[in-house]
C-alpha atoms as a PDB file:
ATOM      1  CA  MET A   1      62.354 121.344-147.222  1.00  0.00           C
ATOM      2  CA  LEU A   2      61.024 118.841-148.105  1.00  0.00           C
ATOM      3  CA  ASN A   3      61.283 116.794-150.933  1.00  0.00           C
ATOM      4  CA  LYS A   4      59.631 113.359-152.427  1.00  0.00           C
ATOM      5  CA  LYS A   5      60.162 109.985-150.840  1.00  0.00           C
ATOM      6  CA  ASP A   6      61.600 111.813-147.377  1.00  0.00           C
ATOM      7  CA  THR A   7      60.506 110.396-144.469  1.00  0.00           C
ATOM      8  CA  VAL A   8      58.368 112.234-141.675  1.00  0.00           C
ATOM      9  CA  TYR A   9      56.022 111.330-138.509  1.00  0.00           C
ATOM     10  CA  TYR A  10      53.017 112.601-138.262  1.00  0.00           C
ATOM     11  CA  THR A  11      51.702 112.802-134.563  1.00  0.00           C
ATOM     12  CA  ARG A  12      47.642 111.541-135.023  1.00  0.00           C
ATOM     13  CA  ILE A  13      46.439 112.777-131.630  1.00  0.00           C
ATOM     14  CA  ILE A  14      42.938 113.079-131.261  1.00  0.00           C
ATOM     15  CA  PRO A  15      41.853 113.375-127.236  1.00  0.00           C
ATOM     16  CA  ASN A  16      38.297 113.210-127.705  1.00  0.00           C
ATOM     17  CA  CYS A  17      38.403 109.800-129.549  1.00  0.00           C
ATOM     18  CA  GLY A  18      41.309 108.417-127.401  1.00  0.00           C
ATOM     19  CA  ILE A  19      43.872 108.524-130.281  1.00  0.00           C
ATOM     20  CA  TYR A  20      47.387 108.196-129.602  1.00  0.00           C
ATOM     21  CA  ASP A  21      49.507 107.795-132.649  1.00  0.00           C
ATOM     22  CA  VAL A  22      52.627 108.078-134.283  1.00  0.00           C
ATOM     23  CA  LEU A  23      52.659 107.567-138.025  1.00  0.00           C
ATOM     24  CA  GLU A  24      55.516 106.932-140.171  1.00  0.00           C
ATOM     25  CA  LEU A  25      54.526 108.879-143.702  1.00  0.00           C
ATOM     26  CA  LYS A  26      56.522 108.897-146.672  1.00  0.00           C
ATOM     27  CA  ILE A  27      56.412 112.669-148.749  1.00  0.00           C
ATOM     28  CA  ARG A  28      54.631 112.093-151.843  1.00  0.00           C
ATOM     29  CA  THR A  29      53.448 115.202-153.604  1.00  0.00           C
ATOM     30  CA  VAL A  30      55.015 118.605-152.209  1.00  0.00           C
ATOM     31  CA  THR A  31      54.195 122.494-153.468  1.00  0.00           C
ATOM     32  CA  ASP A  32      54.356 125.393-152.422  1.00  0.00           C
ATOM     33  CA  THR A  33      51.938 125.339-149.777  1.00  0.00           C
ATOM     34  CA  TYR A  34      51.394 121.733-148.696  1.00  0.00           C
ATOM     35  CA  PHE A  35      52.764 117.955-148.992  1.00  0.00           C
ATOM     36  CA  VAL A  36      50.960 114.617-149.177  1.00  0.00           C
ATOM     37  CA  GLY A  37      52.440 111.908-147.145  1.00  0.00           C
ATOM     38  CA  VAL A  38      50.828 108.300-147.320  1.00  0.00           C
ATOM     39  CA  GLU A  39      51.420 106.059-144.483  1.00  0.00           C
ATOM     40  CA  LYS A  40      53.754 103.472-144.533  1.00  0.00           C
ATOM     41  CA  ARG A  41      51.263 100.765-143.725  1.00  0.00           C
ATOM     42  CA  ASP A  42      48.173 101.108-144.767  1.00  0.00           C
ATOM     43  CA  LYS A  43      49.099 103.564-147.521  1.00  0.00           C
ATOM     44  CA  GLN A  44      46.243 106.293-146.115  1.00  0.00           C
ATOM     45  CA  CYS A  45      47.288 110.172-147.632  1.00  0.00           C
ATOM     46  CA  PHE A  46      47.079 113.120-145.362  1.00  0.00           C
ATOM     47  CA  LEU A  47      46.822 116.416-146.583  1.00  0.00           C
ATOM     48  CA  LEU A  48      49.742 118.240-144.641  1.00  0.00           C
ATOM     49  CA  SER A  49      50.682 121.941-144.001  1.00  0.00           C
ATOM     50  CA  TYR A  50      54.033 123.385-143.897  1.00  0.00           C
ATOM     51  CA  ASN A  51      52.827 124.699-141.091  1.00  0.00           C
ATOM     52  CA  ASP A  52      52.640 121.558-139.179  1.00  0.00           C
ATOM     53  CA  ILE A  53      56.643 121.040-139.641  1.00  0.00           C
ATOM     54  CA  GLY A  54      57.519 121.215-135.896  1.00  0.00           C
ATOM     55  CA  LYS A  55      53.281 120.816-134.254  1.00  0.00           C
ATOM     56  CA  ILE A  56      52.577 117.426-135.397  1.00  0.00           C
ATOM     57  CA  VAL A  57      54.864 116.543-138.260  1.00  0.00           C
ATOM     58  CA  PHE A  58      58.730 116.039-137.277  1.00  0.00           C
ATOM     59  CA  LYS A  59      61.655 114.916-139.280  1.00  0.00           C
ATOM     60  CA  ASP A  60      63.119 112.736-136.240  1.00  0.00           C
ATOM     61  CA  ARG A  61      60.906 109.486-134.664  1.00  0.00           C
ATOM     62  CA  LYS A  62      61.869 110.574-131.320  1.00  0.00           C
ATOM     63  CA  ASP A  63      60.126 114.603-130.886  1.00  0.00           C
ATOM     64  CA  ALA A  64      57.000 112.706-132.203  1.00  0.00           C
ATOM     65  CA  VAL A  65      57.249 110.220-130.204  1.00  0.00           C
ATOM     66  CA  MET A  66      57.749 112.729-127.057  1.00  0.00           C
ATOM     67  CA  LYS A  67      55.002 114.323-128.327  1.00  0.00           C
ATOM     68  CA  VAL A  68      52.176 112.289-127.846  1.00  0.00           C
ATOM     69  CA  LYS A  69      53.521 111.174-124.241  1.00  0.00           C
ATOM     70  CA  GLU A  70      53.365 114.357-123.995  1.00  0.00           C
ATOM     71  CA  ALA A  71      49.640 114.575-124.857  1.00  0.00           C
ATOM     72  CA  GLU A  72      49.090 111.179-123.423  1.00  0.00           C
ATOM     73  CA  GLU A  73      49.702 112.204-119.636  1.00  0.00           C
ATOM     74  CA  HIS A  74      47.378 114.761-119.526  1.00  0.00           C
ATOM     75  CA  LYS A  75      44.624 113.739-121.254  1.00  0.00           C
ATOM     76  CA  LYS A  76      41.636 113.828-120.312  1.00  0.00           C
ATOM     77  CA  VAL A  77      39.178 111.396-119.390  1.00  0.00           C
ATOM     78  CA  ILE A  78      36.956 110.674-121.532  1.00  0.00           C
ATOM     79  CA  SER A  79      33.822 108.296-119.986  1.00  0.00           C
ATOM     80  CA  ASP A  80      34.254 106.029-116.329  1.00  0.00           C
ATOM     81  CA  GLU A  81      31.424 104.178-117.491  1.00  0.00           C
ATOM     82  CA  ILE A  82      32.113 100.290-117.319  1.00  0.00           C
ATOM     83  CA  LEU A  83      30.648  97.767-119.933  1.00  0.00           C
ATOM     84  CA  TYR A  84      29.674  94.821-119.243  1.00  0.00           C
ATOM     85  CA  GLU A  85      28.333  91.983-121.086  1.00  0.00           C
ATOM     86  CA  GLU A  86      24.978  90.702-122.166  1.00  0.00           C
ATOM     87  CA  TYR A  87      24.547  86.673-121.714  1.00  0.00           C
END
């Protein structure tokens, strides 16, 4: 069970955009079906379900990092285009 002011780690994995992050969240609100975490650096809020615990939300940072590394190893190539600057 989560309580206010607990710290959890959210794995933000968006393969289509190439985003593989671990965010540190401090729990702000706890209800029966959901909880809200505030990101440590930029104070962005995330509304999460208790079903997310163990899938994309972890209490241990090592577990979150392993989940992100695993997703990053199996990522698909989005584009093989090379961008050049025009002068």
